[in-house]
PDB file of N, CA and C in Angstrom:
ATOM      1  N   UNK A   1      12.028   6.094  12.573  1.00  0.00           N
ATOM      2  CA  UNK A   1      13.337   5.589  12.881  1.00  0.00           C
ATOM      3  C   UNK A   1      13.767   6.106  14.252  1.00  0.00           C
ATOM      4  N   UNK A   2      14.375   5.292  14.996  1.00  0.00           N
ATOM      5  CA  UNK A   2      14.819   5.686  16.325  1.00  0.00           C
ATOM      6  C   UNK A   2      16.061   6.562  16.232  1.00  0.00           C
ATOM      7  N   UNK A   3      16.103   7.619  17.002  1.00  0.00           N
ATOM      8  CA  UNK A   3      17.293   8.469  17.025  1.00  0.00           C
ATOM      9  C   UNK A   3      18.506   7.717  17.552  1.00  0.00           C
ATOM     10  N   UNK A   4      18.295   6.629  18.270  1.00  0.00           N
ATOM     11  CA  UNK A   4      19.402   5.877  18.824  1.00  0.00           C
ATOM     12  C   UNK A   4      20.244   5.156  17.782  1.00  0.00           C
ATOM     13  N   UNK A   5      19.669   4.854  16.639  1.00  0.00           N
ATOM     14  CA  UNK A   5      20.417   4.118  15.613  1.00  0.00           C
ATOM     15  C   UNK A   5      21.437   5.002  14.921  1.00  0.00           C
ATOM     16  N   UNK A   6      21.013   6.130  14.435  1.00  0.00           N
ATOM     17  CA  UNK A   6      21.879   7.041  13.699  1.00  0.00           C
ATOM     18  C   UNK A   6      21.554   8.470  14.126  1.00  0.00           C
ATOM     19  N   UNK A   7      21.916   8.860  15.333  1.00  0.00           N
ATOM     20  CA  UNK A   7      21.442  10.141  15.879  1.00  0.00           C
ATOM     21  C   UNK A   7      21.929  11.377  15.133  1.00  0.00           C
ATOM     22  N   UNK A   8      23.074  11.320  14.493  1.00  0.00           N
ATOM     23  CA  UNK A   8      23.615  12.493  13.830  1.00  0.00           C
ATOM     24  C   UNK A   8      23.542  12.359  12.306  1.00  0.00           C
ATOM     25  N   UNK A   9      23.688  11.170  11.792  1.00  0.00           N
ATOM     26  CA  UNK A   9      23.877  10.971  10.368  1.00  0.00           C
ATOM     27  C   UNK A   9      22.599  10.957   9.536  1.00  0.00           C
ATOM     28  N   UNK A  10      21.429  10.764  10.145  1.00  0.00           N
ATOM     29  CA  UNK A  10      20.225  10.550   9.367  1.00  0.00           C
ATOM     30  C   UNK A  10      19.089  11.445   9.834  1.00  0.00           C
ATOM     31  N   UNK A  11      18.414  12.021   8.863  1.00  0.00           N
ATOM     32  CA  UNK A  11      17.176  12.751   9.137  1.00  0.00           C
ATOM     33  C   UNK A  11      16.108  12.158   8.230  1.00  0.00           C
ATOM     34  N   UNK A  12      14.923  12.014   8.737  1.00  0.00           N
ATOM     35  CA  UNK A  12      13.839  11.440   7.938  1.00  0.00           C
ATOM     36  C   UNK A  12      12.623  12.343   8.042  1.00  0.00           C
ATOM     37  N   UNK A  13      11.865  12.406   6.951  1.00  0.00           N
ATOM     38  CA  UNK A  13      10.605  13.131   6.997  1.00  0.00           C
ATOM     39  C   UNK A  13       9.642  12.521   5.994  1.00  0.00           C
ATOM     40  N   UNK A  14       8.378  12.703   6.282  1.00  0.00           N
ATOM     41  CA  UNK A  14       7.304  12.188   5.442  1.00  0.00           C
ATOM     42  C   UNK A  14       6.771  13.339   4.602  1.00  0.00           C
ATOM     43  N   UNK A  15       6.610  13.100   3.313  1.00  0.00           N
ATOM     44  CA  UNK A  15       6.057  14.110   2.420  1.00  0.00           C
ATOM     45  C   UNK A  15       4.783  13.552   1.813  1.00  0.00           C
ATOM     46  N   UNK A  16       3.689  14.236   2.044  1.00  0.00           N
ATOM     47  CA  UNK A  16       2.399  13.832   1.507  1.00  0.00           C
ATOM     48  C   UNK A  16       2.197  14.525   0.158  1.00  0.00           C
ATOM     49  N   UNK A  17       2.482  13.812  -0.922  1.00  0.00           N
ATOM     50  CA  UNK A  17       2.386  14.424  -2.249  1.00  0.00           C
ATOM     51  C   UNK A  17       0.943  14.663  -2.675  1.00  0.00           C
ATOM     52  N   UNK A  18      -0.020  14.069  -1.970  1.00  0.00           N
ATOM     53  CA  UNK A  18      -1.411  14.367  -2.309  1.00  0.00           C
ATOM     54  C   UNK A  18      -1.751  15.805  -1.941  1.00  0.00           C
ATOM     55  N   UNK A  19      -1.054  16.357  -0.958  1.00  0.00           N
ATOM     56  CA  UNK A  19      -1.257  17.759  -0.578  1.00  0.00           C
ATOM     57  C   UNK A  19      -0.273  18.690  -1.283  1.00  0.00           C
ATOM     58  N   UNK A  20       0.993  18.299  -1.307  1.00  0.00           N
ATOM     59  CA  UNK A  20       2.034  19.159  -1.861  1.00  0.00           C
ATOM     60  C   UNK A  20       2.178  19.021  -3.377  1.00  0.00           C
ATOM     61  N   UNK A  21       1.754  17.901  -3.932  1.00  0.00           N
ATOM     62  CA  UNK A  21       1.968  17.655  -5.350  1.00  0.00           C
ATOM     63  C   UNK A  21       3.413  17.273  -5.621  1.00  0.00           C
ATOM     64  N   UNK A  22       3.730  17.077  -6.879  1.00  0.00           N
ATOM     65  CA  UNK A  22       5.073  16.637  -7.253  1.00  0.00           C
ATOM     66  C   UNK A  22       5.946  17.760  -7.792  1.00  0.00           C
ATOM     67  N   UNK A  23       5.430  18.963  -7.874  1.00  0.00           N
ATOM     68  CA  UNK A  23       6.199  20.065  -8.463  1.00  0.00           C
ATOM     69  C   UNK A  23       7.562  20.247  -7.801  1.00  0.00           C
ATOM     70  N   UNK A  24       7.632  20.047  -6.482  1.00  0.00           N
ATOM     71  CA  UNK A  24       8.892  20.195  -5.759  1.00  0.00           C
ATOM     72  C   UNK A  24       9.795  18.972  -5.898  1.00  0.00           C
ATOM     73  N   UNK A  25       9.260  17.876  -6.428  1.00  0.00           N
ATOM     74  CA  UNK A  25       9.990  16.606  -6.461  1.00  0.00           C
ATOM     75  C   UNK A  25       9.970  15.994  -7.862  1.00  0.00           C
ATOM     76  N   UNK A  26      10.499  16.685  -8.865  1.00  0.00           N
ATOM     77  CA  UNK A  26      10.418  16.172 -10.237  1.00  0.00           C
ATOM     78  C   UNK A  26      11.146  14.839 -10.435  1.00  0.00           C
ATOM     79  N   UNK A  27      12.234  14.611  -9.693  1.00  0.00           N
ATOM     80  CA  UNK A  27      12.962  13.344  -9.846  1.00  0.00           C
ATOM     81  C   UNK A  27      12.108  12.164  -9.388  1.00  0.00           C
ATOM     82  N   UNK A  28      11.385  12.342  -8.305  1.00  0.00           N
ATOM     83  CA  UNK A  28      10.515  11.281  -7.810  1.00  0.00           C
ATOM     84  C   UNK A  28       9.404  11.006  -8.824  1.00  0.00           C
ATOM     85  N   UNK A  29       8.856  12.039  -9.400  1.00  0.00           N
ATOM     86  CA  UNK A  29       7.805  11.866 -10.406  1.00  0.00           C
ATOM     87  C   UNK A  29       8.366  11.179 -11.658  1.00  0.00           C
ATOM     88  N   UNK A  30       9.556  11.549 -12.055  1.00  0.00           N
ATOM     89  CA  UNK A  30      10.185  11.039 -13.283  1.00  0.00           C
ATOM     90  C   UNK A  30      10.485   9.537 -13.209  1.00  0.00           C
ATOM     91  N   UNK A  31      10.863   9.022 -12.033  1.00  0.00           N
ATOM     92  CA  UNK A  31      11.254   7.613 -11.953  1.00  0.00           C
ATOM     93  C   UNK A  31      10.073   6.662 -12.037  1.00  0.00           C
ATOM     94  N   UNK A  32       8.873   7.161 -11.755  1.00  0.00           N
ATOM     95  CA  UNK A  32       7.642   6.378 -11.934  1.00  0.00           C
ATOM     96  C   UNK A  32       7.623   5.073 -11.144  1.00  0.00           C
ATOM     97  N   UNK A  33       8.131   5.096  -9.911  1.00  0.00           N
ATOM     98  CA  UNK A  33       8.035   3.940  -9.016  1.00  0.00           C
ATOM     99  C   UNK A  33       6.616   3.834  -8.484  1.00  0.00           C
ATOM    100  N   UNK A  34       6.270   2.650  -7.978  1.00  0.00           N
ATOM    101  CA  UNK A  34       5.001   2.526  -7.270  1.00  0.00           C
ATOM    102  C   UNK A  34       5.150   3.233  -5.920  1.00  0.00           C
ATOM    103  N   UNK A  35       4.046   3.659  -5.362  1.00  0.00           N
ATOM    104  CA  UNK A  35       4.081   4.422  -4.118  1.00  0.00           C
ATOM    105  C   UNK A  35       3.836   3.528  -2.921  1.00  0.00           C
ATOM    106  N   UNK A  36       4.318   3.857  -1.765  1.00  0.00           N
ATOM    107  CA  UNK A  36       5.151   5.009  -1.444  1.00  0.00           C
ATOM    108  C   UNK A  36       6.587   4.805  -1.895  1.00  0.00           C
ATOM    109  N   UNK A  37       7.298   5.885  -2.054  1.00  0.00           N
ATOM    110  CA  UNK A  37       8.704   5.856  -2.458  1.00  0.00           C
ATOM    111  C   UNK A  37       9.540   6.276  -1.258  1.00  0.00           C
ATOM    112  N   UNK A  38      10.582   5.505  -0.981  1.00  0.00           N
ATOM    113  CA  UNK A  38      11.491   5.841   0.104  1.00  0.00           C
ATOM    114  C   UNK A  38      12.736   6.474  -0.506  1.00  0.00           C
ATOM    115  N   UNK A  39      12.988   7.720  -0.131  1.00  0.00           N
ATOM    116  CA  UNK A  39      14.153   8.453  -0.620  1.00  0.00           C
ATOM    117  C   UNK A  39      15.150   8.528   0.530  1.00  0.00           C
ATOM    118  N   UNK A  40      16.364   8.055   0.278  1.00  0.00           N
ATOM    119  CA  UNK A  40      17.402   8.036   1.303  1.00  0.00           C
ATOM    120  C   UNK A  40      18.606   8.790   0.769  1.00  0.00           C
ATOM    121  N   UNK A  41      19.083   9.720   1.546  1.00  0.00           N
ATOM    122  CA  UNK A  41      20.238  10.540   1.171  1.00  0.00           C
ATOM    123  C   UNK A  41      19.999  11.241  -0.169  1.00  0.00           C
ATOM    124  N   UNK A  42      18.748  11.658  -0.376  1.00  0.00           N
ATOM    125  CA  UNK A  42      18.392  12.400  -1.574  1.00  0.00           C
ATOM    126  C   UNK A  42      18.143  11.564  -2.815  1.00  0.00           C
ATOM    127  N   UNK A  43      18.249  10.252  -2.708  1.00  0.00           N
ATOM    128  CA  UNK A  43      18.064   9.363  -3.856  1.00  0.00           C
ATOM    129  C   UNK A  43      16.880   8.436  -3.629  1.00  0.00           C
ATOM    130  N   UNK A  44      15.975   8.316  -4.607  1.00  0.00           N
ATOM    131  CA  UNK A  44      14.906   7.318  -4.484  1.00  0.00           C
ATOM    132  C   UNK A  44      15.546   5.927  -4.446  1.00  0.00           C
ATOM    133  N   UNK A  45      15.294   5.180  -3.387  1.00  0.00           N
ATOM    134  CA  UNK A  45      15.964   3.891  -3.194  1.00  0.00           C
ATOM    135  C   UNK A  45      15.015   2.702  -3.184  1.00  0.00           C
ATOM    136  N   UNK A  46      13.805   2.886  -2.632  1.00  0.00           N
ATOM    137  CA  UNK A  46      12.879   1.771  -2.473  1.00  0.00           C
ATOM    138  C   UNK A  46      11.475   2.216  -2.860  1.00  0.00           C
ATOM    139  N   UNK A  47      10.678   1.268  -3.333  1.00  0.00           N
ATOM    140  CA  UNK A  47       9.299   1.590  -3.706  1.00  0.00           C
ATOM    141  C   UNK A  47       8.349   0.554  -3.128  1.00  0.00           C
ATOM    142  N   UNK A  48       7.133   1.004  -2.868  1.00  0.00           N
ATOM    143  CA  UNK A  48       6.123   0.117  -2.316  1.00  0.00           C
ATOM    144  C   UNK A  48       6.317  -0.085  -0.827  1.00  0.00           C
ATOM    145  N   UNK A  49       5.703  -1.115  -0.324  1.00  0.00           N
ATOM    146  CA  UNK A  49       5.813  -1.436   1.093  1.00  0.00           C
ATOM    147  C   UNK A  49       7.248  -1.848   1.406  1.00  0.00           C
ATOM    148  N   UNK A  50       7.840  -1.218   2.391  1.00  0.00           N
ATOM    149  CA  UNK A  50       9.252  -1.430   2.700  1.00  0.00           C
ATOM    150  C   UNK A  50       9.403  -1.824   4.158  1.00  0.00           C
ATOM    151  N   UNK A  51      10.222  -2.816   4.393  1.00  0.00           N
ATOM    152  CA  UNK A  51      10.523  -3.242   5.763  1.00  0.00           C
ATOM    153  C   UNK A  51      11.641  -2.367   6.316  1.00  0.00           C
ATOM    154  N   UNK A  52      11.571  -2.051   7.593  1.00  0.00           N
ATOM    155  CA  UNK A  52      12.592  -1.219   8.236  1.00  0.00           C
ATOM    156  C   UNK A  52      14.000  -1.760   8.045  1.00  0.00           C
ATOM    157  N   UNK A  53      14.151  -3.070   8.018  1.00  0.00           N
ATOM    158  CA  UNK A  53      15.481  -3.665   7.842  1.00  0.00           C
ATOM    159  C   UNK A  53      16.096  -3.251   6.508  1.00  0.00           C
ATOM    160  N   UNK A  54      15.276  -3.105   5.469  1.00  0.00           N
ATOM    161  CA  UNK A  54      15.780  -2.682   4.166  1.00  0.00           C
ATOM    162  C   UNK A  54      16.324  -1.257   4.231  1.00  0.00           C
ATOM    163  N   UNK A  55      15.612  -0.396   4.918  1.00  0.00           N
ATOM    164  CA  UNK A  55      16.050   0.994   5.087  1.00  0.00           C
ATOM    165  C   UNK A  55      17.337   1.027   5.895  1.00  0.00           C
ATOM    166  N   UNK A  56      17.369   0.283   6.982  1.00  0.00           N
ATOM    167  CA  UNK A  56      18.558   0.241   7.839  1.00  0.00           C
ATOM    168  C   UNK A  56      19.780  -0.232   7.060  1.00  0.00           C
ATOM    169  N   UNK A  57      19.605  -1.250   6.235  1.00  0.00           N
ATOM    170  CA  UNK A  57      20.721  -1.785   5.451  1.00  0.00           C
ATOM    171  C   UNK A  57      21.291  -0.724   4.516  1.00  0.00           C
ATOM    172  N   UNK A  58      20.421   0.009   3.844  1.00  0.00           N
ATOM    173  CA  UNK A  58      20.878   1.059   2.931  1.00  0.00           C
ATOM    174  C   UNK A  58      21.604   2.164   3.694  1.00  0.00           C
ATOM    175  N   UNK A  59      21.060   2.578   4.815  1.00  0.00           N
ATOM    176  CA  UNK A  59      21.696   3.634   5.610  1.00  0.00           C
ATOM    177  C   UNK A  59      23.067   3.177   6.104  1.00  0.00           C
ATOM    178  N   UNK A  60      23.167   1.957   6.567  1.00  0.00           N
ATOM    179  CA  UNK A  60      24.456   1.433   7.019  1.00  0.00           C
ATOM    180  C   UNK A  60      25.467   1.397   5.879  1.00  0.00           C
ATOM    181  N   UNK A  61      25.012   1.042   4.661  1.00  0.00           N
ATOM    182  CA  UNK A  61      25.902   1.038   3.499  1.00  0.00           C
ATOM    183  C   UNK A  61      26.385   2.441   3.160  1.00  0.00           C
ATOM    184  N   UNK A  62      25.490   3.412   3.229  1.00  0.00           N
ATOM    185  CA  UNK A  62      25.862   4.797   2.946  1.00  0.00           C
ATOM    186  C   UNK A  62      26.892   5.291   3.950  1.00  0.00           C
ATOM    187  N   UNK A  63      26.643   5.053   5.219  1.00  0.00           N
ATOM    188  CA  UNK A  63      27.548   5.520   6.267  1.00  0.00           C
ATOM    189  C   UNK A  63      28.921   4.868   6.143  1.00  0.00           C
ATOM    190  N   UNK A  64      28.944   3.591   5.778  1.00  0.00           N
ATOM    191  CA  UNK A  64      30.227   2.885   5.668  1.00  0.00           C
ATOM    192  C   UNK A  64      30.917   3.122   4.327  1.00  0.00           C
ATOM    193  N   UNK A  65      30.205   3.756   3.376  1.00  0.00           N
ATOM    194  CA  UNK A  65      30.790   4.014   2.061  1.00  0.00           C
ATOM    195  C   UNK A  65      30.661   2.860   1.089  1.00  0.00           C
ATOM    196  N   UNK A  66      29.871   1.842   1.437  1.00  0.00           N
ATOM    197  CA  UNK A  66      29.715   0.655   0.598  1.00  0.00           C
ATOM    198  C   UNK A  66      28.530   0.733  -0.362  1.00  0.00           C
ATOM    199  N   UNK A  67      27.907   1.882  -0.510  1.00  0.00           N
ATOM    200  CA  UNK A  67      26.708   1.984  -1.346  1.00  0.00           C
ATOM    201  C   UNK A  67      27.022   2.335  -2.789  1.00  0.00           C
ATOM    202  N   UNK A  68      28.251   2.492  -3.139  1.00  0.00           N
ATOM    203  CA  UNK A  68      28.624   2.882  -4.507  1.00  0.00           C
ATOM    204  C   UNK A  68      28.729   1.697  -5.410  1.00  0.00           C
TER     205      UNK A  68
END
């Protein structure tokens, strides 16, 4: 994600569960989505192949307060 879109509000990181395992992420393991899983603002939101526009839409909803 480009820092220009949401420079202060969003941080993203990739977690390779094949190395780290799921012990640190029991909620992700519990939901049993297909992989990869996209977690936004601490919540699993999308599963499988995801288009950037889908991620952007969710982030914009969170920032505007419309995600509830």
